[in-house]
Amino acid sequence: MEAKERRALDKCFEGFLRDLDPTPSFLHSLYAEGILTEEQMDRISKTTSRETQVALLLRILPHRGPKAFTIFKEKLEKDYGWLAQKLDEEVRKLQSGQASINKRLITIIESQLIPLIYTDGSSQPMVDEKAHPGLIIQKLSDYLTNLELKCHKALDVSILGNYKAPLHQLIEEKLRRFKDEKKKVPVEVEVDDVQKEIKDLKRQLRDMMKLKAENDKLKNIVDKQKEKLKDYNKMTRDTKRYKQDMEKFKKDNDILRYEVETLREQLRGNIVNPFA
């Protein structure tokens, strides 16, 4: 089961607890499709409360293969159409959010980064907007590495180990060497060409800084989303635990009520016939 499908199940958890009744026939239909094993079906059926049965079913489904979500939704459409529709809505929302981030990343790569690296940017293969964000970020990292290599090559500066020198320092070092060489060996240099080169390099530096800022912003968004997901998962676990505690309190309460009624009946008997 894909991550977005697992998240959609989590988001619909309360609705399932409220409305879904995993009857033996419903569970057997999942067993017939190979989504549940016989042992899993029996374990769910033997669970005392309906809510616990639902929680156990939803805990098992994400580990039952890539078709589990689709088949489960198809079974819901027969008697629980509103729950199947809610699952579809949550999946579409998750897909839309991922596509939005992917589109922004690809726009940055295509419009800002590739023109800095390649003479003919249109000839470079693009990443599909539907791809996983991690794949696009890796592609972005590859392009930045390529840009770094081209900058060092253009400036005729070697890369020493893991040291990352800022581009403006590399340009200043290149100019310093150029001036030193000019003092040693008189060479006719076209000043306009040098100034143009410096101007182009500065423009590339500004574009790269802008790209880096945008990349940092996107990473912050991804980190915040991960933190929200952790909080939600914790809240889900707490909710399950609270429901289990509530069921136990209800059972204990019923036992206490029964004992109180028994004591009252005994007390009434003693009052009516105190010498019995």
Protein backbone atom coordinates (compact mmCIF):
# COMPACT_ATOMS: atom_id res chain seq x y z
CA MET A 1 0.00 0.00 0.00
CA GLU A 2 1.34 3.41 -0.95
CA ALA A 3 2.10 6.07 1.65
CA LYS A 4 -0.72 8.34 0.46
CA GLU A 5 -3.20 5.46 0.79
CA ARG A 6 -2.07 4.72 4.35
CA ARG A 7 -2.44 8.40 5.21
CA ALA A 8 -5.92 8.47 3.66
CA LEU A 9 -6.95 5.54 5.88
CA ASP A 10 -5.60 7.39 8.94
CA LYS A 11 -7.51 10.55 8.03
CA CYS A 12 -10.77 8.55 7.71
CA PHE A 13 -10.18 6.61 10.95
CA GLU A 14 -12.88 8.40 12.98
CA GLY A 15 -15.45 7.89 10.21
CA PHE A 16 -14.71 4.18 10.10
CA LEU A 17 -15.01 3.87 13.88
CA ARG A 18 -18.37 5.62 13.76
CA ASP A 19 -20.00 3.95 10.73
CA LEU A 20 -18.24 0.75 9.63
CA ASP A 21 -19.53 -2.62 10.86
CA PRO A 22 -17.05 -5.38 9.84
CA THR A 23 -19.61 -8.20 9.70
CA PRO A 24 -18.47 -11.78 9.00
CA SER A 25 -19.72 -11.48 5.41
CA PHE A 26 -17.75 -8.23 4.92
CA LEU A 27 -14.58 -9.80 6.34
CA HIS A 28 -15.09 -12.94 4.27
CA SER A 29 -15.29 -10.85 1.09
CA LEU A 30 -11.83 -9.45 1.91
CA TYR A 31 -10.61 -12.97 2.70
CA ALA A 32 -11.89 -14.20 -0.68
CA GLU A 33 -9.84 -11.49 -2.41
CA GLY A 34 -6.70 -12.49 -0.52
CA ILE A 35 -6.60 -9.25 1.47
CA LEU A 36 -7.09 -11.02 4.81
CA THR A 37 -5.75 -14.37 5.91
CA GLU A 38 -8.02 -16.85 7.66
CA GLU A 39 -6.18 -16.24 10.93
CA GLN A 40 -6.61 -12.45 10.59
CA MET A 41 -10.31 -12.81 9.74
CA ASP A 42 -10.90 -15.01 12.82
CA ARG A 43 -8.93 -12.69 15.07
CA ILE A 44 -11.03 -9.70 14.00
CA SER A 45 -14.33 -11.62 14.32
CA LYS A 46 -13.49 -12.78 17.87
CA THR A 47 -12.81 -9.24 19.05
CA THR A 48 -15.61 -8.16 21.40
CA SER A 49 -16.47 -4.59 20.37
CA ARG A 50 -17.21 -3.29 16.89
CA GLU A 51 -14.85 -0.32 17.32
CA THR A 52 -11.98 -2.63 18.23
CA GLN A 53 -12.73 -4.78 15.20
CA VAL A 54 -12.54 -1.70 12.96
CA ALA A 55 -9.29 -0.52 14.55
CA LEU A 56 -7.72 -3.98 14.13
CA LEU A 57 -8.83 -4.20 10.48
CA LEU A 58 -7.35 -0.78 9.69
CA ARG A 59 -4.10 -1.78 11.39
CA ILE A 60 -3.83 -4.92 9.25
CA LEU A 61 -4.78 -3.47 5.84
CA PRO A 62 -1.62 -1.35 5.19
CA HIS A 63 0.50 -4.52 5.35
CA ARG A 64 -1.58 -6.57 2.90
CA GLY A 65 0.00 -5.59 -0.40
CA PRO A 66 -0.43 -2.95 -3.14
CA LYS A 67 -4.02 -3.96 -4.01
CA ALA A 68 -5.36 -3.87 -0.44
CA PHE A 69 -6.50 -0.24 -0.56
CA THR A 70 -8.29 -0.53 -3.93
CA ILE A 71 -10.10 -3.77 -3.04
CA PHE A 72 -11.08 -2.46 0.42
CA LYS A 73 -12.55 0.67 -1.18
CA GLU A 74 -14.47 -1.43 -3.72
CA LYS A 75 -16.03 -3.45 -0.89
CA LEU A 76 -17.01 -0.23 0.89
CA GLU A 77 -18.79 1.12 -2.20
CA LYS A 78 -21.52 -1.54 -1.87
CA ASP A 79 -22.89 -0.60 1.59
CA TYR A 80 -20.68 2.30 2.72
CA GLY A 81 -20.52 4.57 -0.30
CA TRP A 82 -19.91 7.69 1.80
CA LEU A 83 -16.82 6.12 3.37
CA ALA A 84 -15.45 5.10 -0.05
CA GLN A 85 -16.06 8.63 -1.31
CA LYS A 86 -14.24 10.10 1.70
CA LEU A 87 -11.23 7.86 0.99
CA ASP A 88 -11.15 9.08 -2.64
CA GLU A 89 -11.29 12.72 -1.48
CA GLU A 90 -8.39 12.26 0.96
CA VAL A 91 -6.25 10.55 -1.71
CA ARG A 92 -6.95 13.38 -4.17
CA LYS A 93 -5.97 15.98 -1.56
CA LEU A 94 -2.70 14.18 -0.82
CA GLN A 95 -1.93 13.82 -4.54
CA SER A 96 -2.71 17.51 -5.13
CA GLY A 97 -0.37 18.62 -2.33
CA GLN A 98 2.48 16.45 -3.63
CA ALA A 99 1.91 17.60 -7.21
CA SER A 100 2.03 21.25 -6.11
CA ILE A 101 5.45 20.83 -4.43
CA ASN A 102 6.74 18.81 -7.39
CA LYS A 103 5.57 21.46 -9.84
CA ARG A 104 7.35 24.24 -7.94
CA LEU A 105 10.57 22.24 -7.78
CA ILE A 106 10.46 21.41 -11.49
CA THR A 107 9.72 25.05 -12.36
CA ILE A 108 12.84 26.12 -10.45
CA ILE A 109 14.94 23.49 -12.21
CA GLU A 110 13.66 24.30 -15.69
CA SER A 111 13.46 28.10 -15.56
CA GLN A 112 16.43 28.96 -13.31
CA LEU A 113 18.89 26.14 -12.90
CA ILE A 114 19.14 24.44 -16.31
CA PRO A 115 19.72 27.73 -18.23
CA LEU A 116 22.71 28.35 -15.94
CA ILE A 117 24.24 24.97 -16.77
CA TYR A 118 23.38 24.10 -20.37
CA THR A 119 23.48 26.11 -23.57
CA ASP A 120 20.40 24.32 -24.87
CA GLY A 121 18.26 23.65 -21.78
CA SER A 122 15.38 22.25 -23.80
CA SER A 123 17.46 19.19 -24.69
CA GLN A 124 17.75 18.10 -21.06
CA PRO A 125 15.37 15.36 -19.80
CA MET A 126 12.75 16.61 -17.35
CA VAL A 127 11.32 14.89 -14.26
CA ASP A 128 7.65 13.88 -14.23
CA GLU A 129 5.50 16.02 -11.90
CA LYS A 130 3.97 12.82 -10.54
CA ALA A 131 7.34 11.53 -9.38
CA HIS A 132 8.19 11.24 -5.68
CA PRO A 133 9.49 14.56 -4.22
CA GLY A 134 12.65 12.76 -3.10
CA LEU A 135 13.46 11.89 -6.72
CA ILE A 136 13.03 15.50 -7.83
CA ILE A 137 15.16 16.79 -4.93
CA GLN A 138 17.87 14.30 -5.90
CA LYS A 139 17.67 15.59 -9.48
CA LEU A 140 17.98 19.14 -8.15
CA SER A 141 21.05 18.12 -6.14
CA ASP A 142 22.62 16.57 -9.26
CA TYR A 143 22.08 19.75 -11.25
CA LEU A 144 23.62 21.89 -8.47
CA THR A 145 26.66 19.59 -8.38
CA ASN A 146 26.96 19.91 -12.15
CA LEU A 147 26.73 23.68 -11.88
CA GLU A 148 29.44 23.68 -9.22
CA LEU A 149 31.76 21.65 -11.47
CA LYS A 150 31.13 23.91 -14.45
CA CYS A 151 31.83 27.03 -12.37
CA HIS A 152 35.14 25.62 -11.18
CA LYS A 153 36.01 24.57 -14.71
CA ALA A 154 35.09 27.99 -16.15
CA LEU A 155 37.20 29.70 -13.49
CA ASP A 156 39.99 27.14 -13.85
CA VAL A 157 39.89 26.44 -10.11
CA SER A 158 40.32 22.92 -8.73
CA ILE A 159 37.97 21.43 -6.11
CA LEU A 160 39.94 20.53 -2.98
CA GLY A 161 38.30 17.78 -0.93
CA ASN A 162 34.93 18.65 0.60
CA TYR A 163 35.71 22.33 0.91
CA LYS A 164 32.96 24.47 -0.65
CA ALA A 165 34.18 27.93 -1.50
CA PRO A 166 31.53 30.60 -2.21
CA LEU A 167 31.36 31.53 -5.88
CA HIS A 168 32.16 35.18 -5.27
CA GLN A 169 35.41 34.14 -3.53
CA LEU A 170 36.32 31.96 -6.51
CA ILE A 171 35.71 34.89 -8.84
CA GLU A 172 37.83 37.21 -6.67
CA GLU A 173 40.60 34.61 -6.56
CA LYS A 174 40.42 34.23 -10.33
CA LEU A 175 40.67 38.00 -10.80
CA ARG A 176 43.59 38.20 -8.37
CA ARG A 177 45.47 35.53 -10.30
CA PHE A 178 44.61 37.25 -13.54
CA LYS A 179 46.04 40.53 -12.27
CA ASP A 180 49.18 38.81 -11.00
CA GLU A 181 49.70 37.10 -14.36
CA LYS A 182 49.12 40.36 -16.16
CA LYS A 183 51.88 42.00 -14.14
CA LYS A 184 54.29 39.18 -14.96
CA VAL A 185 53.51 38.80 -18.65
CA PRO A 186 52.22 41.72 -20.68
CA VAL A 187 49.18 40.48 -22.52
CA GLU A 188 46.69 42.39 -24.56
CA VAL A 189 43.33 41.85 -22.98
CA GLU A 190 39.99 43.03 -24.12
CA VAL A 191 38.70 44.85 -21.06
CA ASP A 192 35.11 44.78 -22.27
CA ASP A 193 35.18 40.98 -22.54
CA VAL A 194 36.51 40.61 -19.01
CA GLN A 195 33.87 42.95 -17.62
CA LYS A 196 31.19 41.08 -19.48
CA GLU A 197 32.45 37.80 -18.06
CA ILE A 198 32.43 39.23 -14.54
CA LYS A 199 28.92 40.57 -15.04
CA ASP A 200 27.70 37.18 -16.26
CA LEU A 201 29.32 35.40 -13.32
CA LYS A 202 27.74 37.79 -10.84
CA ARG A 203 24.35 37.25 -12.45
CA GLN A 204 24.83 33.50 -12.16
CA LEU A 205 25.77 33.97 -8.52
CA ARG A 206 22.56 35.91 -7.82
CA ASP A 207 20.48 33.26 -9.57
CA MET A 208 22.18 30.50 -7.60
CA MET A 209 21.59 32.29 -4.28
CA LYS A 210 17.94 32.73 -5.18
CA LEU A 211 17.67 29.07 -6.06
CA LYS A 212 19.32 28.03 -2.80
CA ALA A 213 16.90 30.20 -0.79
CA GLU A 214 13.93 28.63 -2.55
CA ASN A 215 15.36 25.15 -1.95
CA ASP A 216 15.82 25.88 1.77
CA LYS A 217 12.22 27.11 1.96
CA LEU A 218 10.93 23.91 0.37
CA LYS A 219 12.99 21.79 2.74
CA ASN A 220 11.46 23.67 5.69
CA ILE A 221 7.98 22.95 4.33
CA VAL A 222 8.80 19.24 4.02
CA ASP A 223 10.21 19.17 7.57
CA LYS A 224 7.08 20.85 8.98
CA GLN A 225 4.83 18.38 7.16
CA LYS A 226 6.84 15.49 8.66
CA GLU A 227 6.41 16.97 12.16
CA LYS A 228 2.65 17.34 11.62
CA LEU A 229 2.48 13.72 10.49
CA LYS A 230 4.30 12.59 13.65
CA ASP A 231 1.85 14.58 15.82
CA TYR A 232 -1.11 13.09 13.97
CA ASN A 233 0.19 9.54 14.36
CA LYS A 234 0.68 10.13 18.08
CA MET A 235 -2.84 11.53 18.38
CA THR A 236 -4.21 8.47 16.56
CA ARG A 237 -2.42 6.10 18.92
CA ASP A 238 -3.68 8.07 21.95
CA THR A 239 -7.24 7.96 20.60
CA LYS A 240 -7.08 4.19 20.21
CA ARG A 241 -5.76 3.81 23.74
CA TYR A 242 -8.48 6.10 25.17
CA LYS A 243 -11.18 4.08 23.42
CA GLN A 244 -9.78 0.85 24.84
CA ASP A 245 -9.73 2.39 28.34
CA MET A 246 -13.34 3.59 27.88
CA GLU A 247 -14.48 0.08 26.95
CA LYS A 248 -12.81 -1.29 30.08
CA PHE A 249 -14.43 1.41 32.26
CA LYS A 250 -17.84 0.57 30.77
CA LYS A 251 -17.43 -3.13 31.58
CA ASP A 252 -16.26 -2.35 35.14
CA ASN A 253 -19.22 0.02 35.57
CA ASP A 254 -21.69 -2.66 34.45
CA ILE A 255 -20.22 -5.13 36.96
CA LEU A 256 -20.46 -2.56 39.78
CA ARG A 257 -24.06 -1.75 38.88
CA TYR A 258 -24.94 -5.44 38.96
CA GLU A 259 -23.32 -5.84 42.40
CA VAL A 260 -25.19 -2.75 43.71
CA GLU A 261 -28.52 -4.13 42.49
CA THR A 262 -27.77 -7.51 44.09
CA LEU A 263 -26.94 -5.87 47.41
CA ARG A 264 -30.14 -3.81 47.23
CA GLU A 265 -32.23 -6.93 46.65
CA GLN A 266 -30.57 -8.64 49.62
CA LEU A 267 -31.17 -5.57 51.76
CA ARG A 268 -34.86 -5.45 50.79
CA GLY A 269 -35.19 -9.14 51.70
CA ASN A 270 -33.69 -8.55 55.12
CA ILE A 271 -36.01 -5.58 55.74
CA VAL A 272 -39.17 -7.52 54.81
CA ASN A 273 -38.23 -10.60 56.86
CA PRO A 274 -35.57 -9.53 59.36
CA PHE A 275 -35.83 -12.82 61.37
CA ALA A 276 -35.58 -15.12 58.36
